[in-house]
Amino acid sequence: MKESLYTLMAIPFFLGLILVELIYQWRKHKELYRLNDALTNLNIGIGNIIMNLFTRGLVFGLFFWVSEHISLLHLKPGWMSVVILLVVYDFCFYWAHRYGHQVNFFWAAHVVHHQSEDYNLSVALRQSWIHSTIAIVFFLPIALLGVDIISLGIAMSVNSFYQFWIHTQAIKRMPKWFEFIFNTPSHHRVHHGVNPKYIDKNHGGMFIIWDRLFGTFKEEEEAPTYGITTQLKSWNPVYANTHYYIDMVKAAKKMLWKDRLTLLFAKPGWLPEYLGGYQAPPEVDKISYRKFNDHGSKSQNIYVLAQFVFILLGACAFIYYYEGLHIFFKIAGFVGLILSTAICGAIMEQKKWVRYAEYFRIAMILIGLNALYFVHFIDWFQVTLVASLVLGIYFIVWFTLNTIYQTSFIGLTKKIIAKS
């Protein structure tokens, strides 16, 4: 329960700093944020938090089993233990992160963090839904130190919070001594660059010293172009987390059996010679390059923003009450939240099927929410029933009018273009 409370406390902190960066953008007349991209980052971040509720038991259970049964040392709790763990944890993070870029199996999970073509604080929250789970193998050596859960929790939290602030363009450079030892916005901008000379560089979490020691450091020169070598071209969080695995399956179908296992552990871009061989990252053509920016009307964007607010509130409530919920409502809440983020993306992409999907989603949310209150919070059931029905009808009418207007506008535009 304490971990859930810490997560809830962190959310307004992160959103507050994003607001500060937005104010900086407006005052400096810079384009650091786009609504569609930022909302996708945040929706993916919500999915990451929700997914961790289900996987943290497995991860921590495995970790502390190793710590209890086969640890080589027993670090005493205290500030010295925390300092040691800060260094050791970041060292393990470096290798988990490095292999997350150099092995297809891990890159397929980690790639989601690099898909955004912007670089701002919201990108820090764009975290894979499964990478922290499959990368546990890189952190298990820490368990051999026999650490206590409090010291480890502090070290992990400090490392995570530290990496949030380096996802910004508002800070150009830190003092030289700081840039030499620690990871900074300048170093991490390089890491997110899709330019060939920047790819697979600067993997450190808190400390950049690991990259200097192991030959993966690169100083920031010209401003990077952000994203991945093949644009995702989607605002769908579910697709963002699965697209590379889908691409790997498609590629594997064309390969001999012996090459399919190789593909899993090869570096990104690898193909057998009979399919063209290794595909090196191309240079970025600054003239022709355009960010993916598919979005709906202003009214649709406002609708999606309103839905995001409710998704965020729903996620916070889900996190707070998670431990006490029946397993059915845990699964239903997870599905409802993930479905909501996916449909928000589909609305921004103006998918034809989204009209029916959104009606279905609203209906399912109404049924699920009222069932939850009837079972767990019966005293509030009648209030929730009335309020949710009013909101549900309001959103259905709003979405319907938006869809009719957008469809009519697109049709009229096509007719004008055809006549001209």
Protein backbone atom coordinates (compact mmCIF):
# COMPACT_ATOMS: atom_id res chain seq x y z
CA MET A 1 0.00 0.00 0.00
CA LYS A 2 2.87 2.37 0.80
CA GLU A 3 4.34 1.84 -2.68
CA SER A 4 1.00 2.78 -4.23
CA LEU A 5 0.85 5.95 -2.14
CA TYR A 6 4.37 6.91 -3.24
CA THR A 7 3.32 6.44 -6.87
CA LEU A 8 0.27 8.66 -6.36
CA MET A 9 2.42 11.33 -4.70
CA ALA A 10 4.85 11.27 -7.64
CA ILE A 11 2.15 11.86 -10.28
CA PRO A 12 1.35 15.52 -9.37
CA PHE A 13 5.09 16.17 -8.98
CA PHE A 14 5.79 15.00 -12.54
CA LEU A 15 2.76 16.78 -13.99
CA GLY A 16 3.76 19.96 -12.17
CA LEU A 17 7.23 19.95 -13.76
CA ILE A 18 5.67 19.29 -17.17
CA LEU A 19 3.49 22.37 -16.60
CA VAL A 20 6.61 24.39 -15.77
CA GLU A 21 8.21 23.24 -19.04
CA LEU A 22 5.03 24.18 -20.93
CA ILE A 23 5.22 27.68 -19.46
CA TYR A 24 8.85 27.83 -20.56
CA GLN A 25 7.76 26.82 -24.07
CA TRP A 26 5.14 29.56 -24.27
CA ARG A 27 7.50 32.24 -22.93
CA LYS A 28 10.38 31.25 -25.24
CA HIS A 29 8.09 30.64 -28.26
CA LYS A 30 9.52 27.16 -28.77
CA GLU A 31 7.71 24.05 -29.99
CA LEU A 32 8.61 21.48 -27.36
CA TYR A 33 5.18 19.90 -26.98
CA ARG A 34 2.47 18.67 -29.33
CA LEU A 35 -0.83 17.62 -27.77
CA ASN A 36 -1.12 14.31 -29.64
CA ASP A 37 2.46 13.26 -28.85
CA ALA A 38 2.39 14.39 -25.21
CA LEU A 39 -0.93 12.67 -24.51
CA THR A 40 0.39 9.46 -26.04
CA ASN A 41 3.49 9.67 -23.83
CA LEU A 42 1.33 10.13 -20.74
CA ASN A 43 -1.11 7.38 -21.72
CA ILE A 44 1.81 4.99 -22.20
CA GLY A 45 3.12 6.09 -18.80
CA ILE A 46 -0.24 5.28 -17.20
CA GLY A 47 -0.17 1.85 -18.82
CA ASN A 48 3.32 1.30 -17.42
CA ILE A 49 2.20 2.10 -13.87
CA ILE A 50 -0.88 -0.13 -14.16
CA MET A 51 1.14 -3.00 -15.61
CA ASN A 52 3.66 -2.72 -12.77
CA LEU A 53 0.87 -3.32 -10.26
CA PHE A 54 0.51 -6.81 -11.74
CA THR A 55 4.20 -7.63 -12.27
CA ARG A 56 5.88 -6.12 -9.21
CA GLY A 57 5.07 -9.17 -7.06
CA LEU A 58 6.88 -11.49 -9.48
CA VAL A 59 9.87 -9.16 -9.87
CA PHE A 60 10.38 -8.39 -6.19
CA GLY A 61 9.54 -11.96 -5.18
CA LEU A 62 12.29 -13.33 -7.41
CA PHE A 63 14.71 -10.65 -6.29
CA PHE A 64 14.26 -11.25 -2.58
CA TRP A 65 14.26 -15.02 -2.97
CA VAL A 66 17.77 -14.73 -4.41
CA SER A 67 18.72 -12.24 -1.69
CA GLU A 68 17.53 -14.56 1.07
CA HIS A 69 18.81 -17.89 -0.22
CA ILE A 70 22.03 -17.32 -2.18
CA SER A 71 23.31 -13.84 -1.25
CA LEU A 72 27.07 -13.56 -0.78
CA LEU A 73 26.96 -10.53 1.55
CA HIS A 74 24.51 -8.87 3.91
CA LEU A 75 24.57 -5.09 3.66
CA LYS A 76 23.36 -3.44 6.85
CA PRO A 77 20.50 -0.94 6.38
CA GLY A 78 21.61 2.69 6.51
CA TRP A 79 22.83 5.59 4.44
CA MET A 80 26.06 3.81 3.44
CA SER A 81 24.01 0.92 2.08
CA VAL A 82 21.92 3.37 0.05
CA VAL A 83 25.02 5.04 -1.40
CA ILE A 84 26.51 1.69 -2.42
CA LEU A 85 23.23 0.64 -3.99
CA LEU A 86 22.93 3.91 -5.92
CA VAL A 87 26.21 3.10 -7.66
CA VAL A 88 25.64 -0.64 -8.06
CA TYR A 89 22.07 -0.21 -9.28
CA ASP A 90 23.12 2.34 -11.89
CA PHE A 91 25.92 0.06 -13.06
CA CYS A 92 23.37 -2.73 -13.60
CA PHE A 93 21.02 -0.22 -15.22
CA TYR A 94 23.76 0.70 -17.71
CA TRP A 95 24.06 -2.90 -18.92
CA ALA A 96 20.30 -3.48 -18.95
CA HIS A 97 19.91 -0.30 -20.97
CA ARG A 98 22.81 -1.05 -23.28
CA TYR A 99 21.52 -4.53 -24.13
CA GLY A 100 18.07 -2.98 -24.42
CA HIS A 101 19.47 -1.23 -27.49
CA GLN A 102 21.70 -3.96 -28.87
CA VAL A 103 19.56 -7.12 -28.62
CA ASN A 104 16.30 -7.39 -30.56
CA PHE A 105 14.41 -9.21 -27.79
CA PHE A 106 15.07 -6.38 -25.31
CA TRP A 107 14.90 -3.57 -27.88
CA ALA A 108 11.41 -4.70 -28.89
CA ALA A 109 10.32 -3.82 -25.35
CA HIS A 110 12.48 -0.73 -24.80
CA VAL A 111 11.80 0.86 -28.21
CA VAL A 112 8.58 2.45 -26.94
CA HIS A 113 10.62 4.94 -24.88
CA HIS A 114 12.34 6.20 -28.03
CA GLN A 115 9.36 6.50 -30.38
CA SER A 116 8.45 10.09 -29.55
CA GLU A 117 9.75 12.57 -32.11
CA ASP A 118 9.70 15.33 -29.50
CA TYR A 119 11.99 15.68 -26.51
CA ASN A 120 10.40 16.96 -23.33
CA LEU A 121 9.60 15.84 -19.80
CA SER A 122 6.54 13.86 -20.90
CA VAL A 123 8.90 11.55 -22.83
CA ALA A 124 10.43 10.48 -19.50
CA LEU A 125 7.09 8.91 -18.59
CA ARG A 126 6.84 7.02 -21.89
CA GLN A 127 8.04 3.72 -20.45
CA SER A 128 7.70 0.17 -21.76
CA TRP A 129 5.03 -1.98 -20.18
CA ILE A 130 7.25 -5.07 -20.00
CA HIS A 131 10.92 -4.04 -20.22
CA SER A 132 11.43 -3.69 -16.46
CA THR A 133 10.10 -7.23 -16.04
CA ILE A 134 12.19 -8.98 -18.69
CA ALA A 135 15.30 -6.96 -17.75
CA ILE A 136 15.24 -8.24 -14.14
CA VAL A 137 18.06 -10.65 -15.10
CA PHE A 138 20.47 -7.68 -15.23
CA PHE A 139 19.56 -6.57 -11.70
CA LEU A 140 19.60 -9.94 -9.94
CA PRO A 141 23.34 -9.59 -9.08
CA ILE A 142 22.30 -6.81 -6.67
CA ALA A 143 20.40 -9.44 -4.67
CA LEU A 144 23.70 -11.19 -3.99
CA LEU A 145 24.60 -8.26 -1.72
CA GLY A 146 21.79 -9.23 0.65
CA VAL A 147 20.16 -5.80 0.60
CA ASP A 148 17.07 -4.75 2.54
CA ILE A 149 13.92 -3.62 0.74
CA ILE A 150 13.97 -0.06 2.11
CA SER A 151 17.52 0.71 0.96
CA LEU A 152 16.85 -0.83 -2.44
CA GLY A 153 13.58 1.08 -2.76
CA ILE A 154 15.32 4.37 -2.00
CA ALA A 155 18.10 3.66 -4.54
CA MET A 156 15.60 2.69 -7.25
CA SER A 157 13.43 5.74 -6.57
CA VAL A 158 16.37 8.16 -6.64
CA ASN A 159 17.57 6.66 -9.92
CA SER A 160 14.10 6.90 -11.46
CA PHE A 161 13.48 10.47 -10.28
CA TYR A 162 16.92 11.55 -11.44
CA GLN A 163 16.27 10.35 -14.98
CA PHE A 164 13.07 12.40 -15.24
CA TRP A 165 14.71 15.84 -15.33
CA ILE A 166 17.24 14.98 -18.04
CA HIS A 167 14.45 14.69 -20.64
CA THR A 168 14.40 18.38 -21.46
CA GLN A 169 15.69 20.88 -24.01
CA ALA A 170 15.31 23.77 -21.58
CA ILE A 171 18.71 23.05 -19.98
CA LYS A 172 21.62 23.28 -22.39
CA ARG A 173 24.70 22.34 -20.35
CA MET A 174 25.65 21.72 -16.72
CA PRO A 175 29.07 22.59 -15.24
CA LYS A 176 31.94 20.61 -16.80
CA TRP A 177 32.68 18.57 -13.68
CA PHE A 178 29.01 17.59 -13.47
CA GLU A 179 28.85 16.71 -17.18
CA PHE A 180 31.91 14.47 -16.73
CA ILE A 181 30.42 12.33 -13.94
CA PHE A 182 26.65 12.51 -14.22
CA ASN A 183 24.10 11.99 -16.94
CA THR A 184 22.66 15.33 -18.06
CA PRO A 185 20.05 16.67 -20.51
CA SER A 186 22.82 17.20 -23.06
CA HIS A 187 24.06 13.61 -22.78
CA HIS A 188 20.58 12.14 -22.82
CA ARG A 189 19.49 14.18 -25.85
CA VAL A 190 22.26 12.35 -27.69
CA HIS A 191 20.87 9.04 -26.46
CA HIS A 192 17.44 9.84 -27.95
CA GLY A 193 18.90 11.01 -31.25
CA VAL A 194 18.15 8.99 -34.39
CA ASN A 195 21.23 10.37 -36.15
CA PRO A 196 23.59 7.42 -36.89
CA LYS A 197 26.48 8.88 -34.89
CA TYR A 198 24.21 9.24 -31.84
CA ILE A 199 22.58 5.80 -31.95
CA ASP A 200 23.47 3.41 -29.08
CA LYS A 201 25.33 6.07 -27.11
CA ASN A 202 25.08 7.34 -23.51
CA HIS A 203 23.25 4.49 -21.79
CA GLY A 204 23.91 5.56 -18.20
CA GLY A 205 21.04 6.31 -15.84
CA MET A 206 22.48 8.64 -13.19
CA PHE A 207 26.17 8.34 -14.09
CA ILE A 208 27.67 8.95 -17.52
CA ILE A 209 30.99 7.61 -16.25
CA TRP A 210 29.99 4.07 -17.32
CA ASP A 211 29.75 5.19 -20.95
CA ARG A 212 33.16 6.84 -20.73
CA LEU A 213 34.63 3.62 -19.28
CA PHE A 214 33.01 1.19 -21.74
CA GLY A 215 33.28 3.18 -24.99
CA THR A 216 29.68 4.24 -25.55
CA PHE A 217 30.00 7.95 -24.75
CA LYS A 218 29.20 10.63 -27.30
CA GLU A 219 29.28 14.39 -26.78
CA GLU A 220 26.31 16.39 -28.08
CA GLU A 221 27.22 18.26 -31.25
CA GLU A 222 24.41 19.41 -33.55
CA ALA A 223 20.85 19.17 -32.23
CA PRO A 224 19.62 15.56 -32.56
CA THR A 225 16.61 14.43 -34.55
CA TYR A 226 14.48 12.44 -32.13
CA GLY A 227 12.57 9.20 -32.58
CA ILE A 228 13.38 5.82 -34.13
CA THR A 229 14.78 5.02 -37.57
CA THR A 230 11.36 3.94 -38.90
CA GLN A 231 8.63 6.26 -37.70
CA LEU A 232 5.90 4.62 -35.62
CA LYS A 233 3.14 6.80 -37.15
CA SER A 234 0.62 5.94 -34.48
CA TRP A 235 -0.79 7.38 -31.24
CA ASN A 236 -1.95 3.94 -30.04
CA PRO A 237 -0.17 2.93 -26.78
CA VAL A 238 -0.92 -0.78 -27.29
CA TYR A 239 0.56 -0.78 -30.79
CA ALA A 240 3.51 1.29 -29.56
CA ASN A 241 4.35 -1.47 -27.07
CA THR A 242 3.94 -4.35 -29.52
CA HIS A 243 4.86 -3.06 -32.99
CA TYR A 244 8.49 -4.21 -32.96
CA TYR A 245 7.51 -7.72 -31.86
CA ILE A 246 4.96 -7.73 -34.70
CA ASP A 247 7.68 -6.66 -37.15
CA MET A 248 9.97 -9.41 -35.85
CA VAL A 249 7.30 -12.06 -36.39
CA LYS A 250 6.73 -10.80 -39.95
CA ALA A 251 10.46 -10.91 -40.64
CA ALA A 252 10.82 -14.38 -39.05
CA LYS A 253 8.18 -15.84 -41.38
CA LYS A 254 10.52 -15.13 -44.29
CA MET A 255 13.54 -16.79 -42.63
CA LEU A 256 14.92 -20.26 -42.29
CA TRP A 257 14.35 -21.85 -38.89
CA LYS A 258 17.99 -21.51 -37.85
CA ASP A 259 17.86 -17.75 -38.42
CA ARG A 260 14.71 -17.16 -36.37
CA LEU A 261 16.51 -17.72 -33.06
CA THR A 262 19.38 -15.57 -34.29
CA LEU A 263 16.92 -12.77 -35.05
CA LEU A 264 15.71 -12.81 -31.45
CA PHE A 265 19.17 -12.08 -30.05
CA ALA A 266 20.73 -10.18 -32.97
CA LYS A 267 21.14 -6.43 -32.96
CA PRO A 268 18.32 -4.28 -34.39
CA GLY A 269 18.58 -4.05 -38.17
CA TRP A 270 20.02 -7.56 -38.59
CA LEU A 271 18.73 -9.78 -41.41
CA PRO A 272 20.26 -12.93 -42.95
CA GLU A 273 22.22 -12.35 -46.14
CA TYR A 274 19.50 -13.82 -48.37
CA LEU A 275 17.13 -11.10 -47.10
CA GLY A 276 19.57 -8.25 -47.58
CA GLY A 277 21.87 -8.54 -44.58
CA TYR A 278 22.34 -5.97 -41.83
CA GLN A 279 20.45 -2.72 -42.44
CA ALA A 280 22.51 0.18 -41.06
CA PRO A 281 20.57 3.21 -39.75
CA PRO A 282 20.20 5.80 -42.53
CA GLU A 283 21.31 9.40 -42.26
CA VAL A 284 18.54 11.84 -41.42
CA ASP A 285 17.48 13.99 -44.39
CA LYS A 286 16.79 17.30 -42.66
CA ILE A 287 15.04 18.66 -45.77
CA SER A 288 12.51 15.87 -46.32
CA TYR A 289 12.07 14.76 -42.70
CA ARG A 290 8.65 15.50 -41.21
CA LYS A 291 7.33 14.52 -37.81
CA PHE A 292 4.26 12.31 -37.75
CA ASN A 293 1.52 14.75 -36.78
CA ASP A 294 -1.81 13.14 -37.67
CA HIS A 295 -4.54 14.66 -35.50
CA GLY A 296 -8.24 15.42 -35.47
CA SER A 297 -10.13 18.69 -35.26
CA LYS A 298 -9.66 21.10 -32.39
CA SER A 299 -12.93 19.92 -30.86
CA GLN A 300 -11.82 16.28 -31.11
CA ASN A 301 -8.52 17.11 -29.44
CA ILE A 302 -10.38 18.81 -26.58
CA TYR A 303 -12.54 15.70 -26.28
CA VAL A 304 -9.45 13.47 -26.10
CA LEU A 305 -7.89 15.79 -23.50
CA ALA A 306 -11.07 15.52 -21.40
CA GLN A 307 -10.94 11.72 -21.70
CA PHE A 308 -7.31 11.75 -20.61
CA VAL A 309 -8.24 13.64 -17.44
CA PHE A 310 -10.77 10.93 -16.61
CA ILE A 311 -8.27 8.19 -17.49
CA LEU A 312 -5.74 9.80 -15.13
CA LEU A 313 -8.29 10.10 -12.32
CA GLY A 314 -9.40 6.53 -12.92
CA ALA A 315 -5.81 5.30 -12.84
CA CYS A 316 -5.15 7.13 -9.56
CA ALA A 317 -8.26 5.60 -7.98
CA PHE A 318 -7.31 2.16 -9.34
CA ILE A 319 -3.81 2.43 -7.84
CA TYR A 320 -5.15 3.63 -4.47
CA TYR A 321 -7.75 0.86 -4.09
CA TYR A 322 -5.89 -1.86 -5.97
CA GLU A 323 -4.92 -4.02 -2.98
CA GLY A 324 -8.50 -4.26 -1.74
CA LEU A 325 -10.18 -5.01 -5.06
CA HIS A 326 -11.56 -8.38 -6.10
CA ILE A 327 -9.46 -10.00 -8.84
CA PHE A 328 -12.32 -9.51 -11.32
CA PHE A 329 -12.27 -5.74 -10.82
CA LYS A 330 -8.47 -5.68 -10.98
CA ILE A 331 -8.57 -7.28 -14.42
CA ALA A 332 -11.59 -5.24 -15.52
CA GLY A 333 -9.93 -2.01 -14.37
CA PHE A 334 -6.72 -2.87 -16.21
CA VAL A 335 -8.58 -3.70 -19.44
CA GLY A 336 -10.76 -0.58 -19.17
CA LEU A 337 -7.82 1.77 -18.66
CA ILE A 338 -5.69 0.22 -21.43
CA LEU A 339 -8.66 0.19 -23.83
CA SER A 340 -9.32 3.85 -23.04
CA THR A 341 -5.75 4.89 -23.85
CA ALA A 342 -5.86 2.93 -27.12
CA ILE A 343 -9.15 4.50 -28.21
CA CYS A 344 -7.87 7.98 -27.38
CA GLY A 345 -5.04 7.29 -29.82
CA ALA A 346 -7.49 6.02 -32.45
CA ILE A 347 -9.58 9.20 -32.11
CA MET A 348 -6.49 11.33 -32.74
CA GLU A 349 -5.69 9.15 -35.77
CA GLN A 350 -9.33 9.44 -36.98
CA LYS A 351 -9.74 5.68 -37.44
CA LYS A 352 -13.01 4.74 -39.14
CA TRP A 353 -13.85 2.08 -36.54
CA VAL A 354 -13.33 4.36 -33.56
CA ARG A 355 -16.95 5.60 -33.53
CA TYR A 356 -18.24 2.14 -32.56
CA ALA A 357 -15.28 1.45 -30.29
CA GLU A 358 -15.87 4.63 -28.29
CA TYR A 359 -19.56 3.87 -27.81
CA PHE A 360 -18.61 0.37 -26.64
CA ARG A 361 -15.95 1.76 -24.29
CA ILE A 362 -18.29 4.28 -22.67
CA ALA A 363 -20.94 1.58 -22.17
CA MET A 364 -18.45 -0.86 -20.65
CA ILE A 365 -16.99 1.82 -18.35
CA LEU A 366 -20.49 2.71 -17.13
CA ILE A 367 -21.37 -0.93 -16.44
CA GLY A 368 -18.02 -1.73 -14.83
CA LEU A 369 -17.88 1.41 -12.68
CA ASN A 370 -21.39 0.94 -11.31
CA ALA A 371 -20.79 -2.77 -10.69
CA LEU A 372 -17.65 -1.83 -8.75
CA TYR A 373 -19.51 0.65 -6.57
CA PHE A 374 -22.38 -1.77 -6.02
CA VAL A 375 -19.97 -4.44 -4.73
CA HIS A 376 -17.30 -2.37 -2.93
CA PHE A 377 -18.82 1.06 -2.21
CA ILE A 378 -22.57 0.51 -1.90
CA ASP A 379 -23.13 3.74 0.08
CA TRP A 380 -22.07 5.76 -2.98
CA PHE A 381 -23.77 3.58 -5.58
CA GLN A 382 -26.81 5.80 -6.26
CA VAL A 383 -24.70 8.96 -6.51
CA THR A 384 -22.25 7.23 -8.85
CA LEU A 385 -25.06 5.79 -10.95
CA VAL A 386 -26.67 9.19 -11.59
CA ALA A 387 -23.36 11.05 -12.10
CA SER A 388 -21.90 8.41 -14.44
CA LEU A 389 -25.07 8.24 -16.56
CA VAL A 390 -25.15 12.03 -16.96
CA LEU A 391 -21.46 12.12 -17.91
CA GLY A 392 -21.82 9.09 -20.19
CA ILE A 393 -24.71 10.63 -22.12
CA TYR A 394 -22.88 13.95 -22.32
CA PHE A 395 -19.75 12.33 -23.78
CA ILE A 396 -21.77 10.23 -26.24
CA VAL A 397 -23.52 13.35 -27.58
CA TRP A 398 -20.24 15.32 -27.66
CA PHE A 399 -18.37 12.55 -29.46
CA THR A 400 -21.23 11.99 -31.93
CA LEU A 401 -21.41 15.66 -32.87
CA ASN A 402 -17.63 15.78 -33.26
CA THR A 403 -17.65 12.71 -35.50
CA ILE A 404 -20.50 14.01 -37.69
CA TYR A 405 -18.82 17.39 -38.05
CA GLN A 406 -15.41 15.91 -38.82
CA THR A 407 -16.85 13.45 -41.38
CA SER A 408 -18.84 16.18 -43.10
CA PHE A 409 -15.84 18.50 -43.16
CA ILE A 410 -13.56 15.85 -44.67
CA GLY A 411 -16.18 14.94 -47.28
CA LEU A 412 -16.68 18.59 -48.26
CA THR A 413 -12.92 19.13 -48.53
CA LYS A 414 -12.56 16.13 -50.86
CA LYS A 415 -15.36 17.45 -53.08
CA ILE A 416 -13.72 20.89 -53.32
CA ILE A 417 -10.36 19.31 -54.20
CA ALA A 418 -11.98 17.07 -56.82
CA LYS A 419 -13.74 20.04 -58.49
CA SER A 420 -10.58 22.11 -58.55
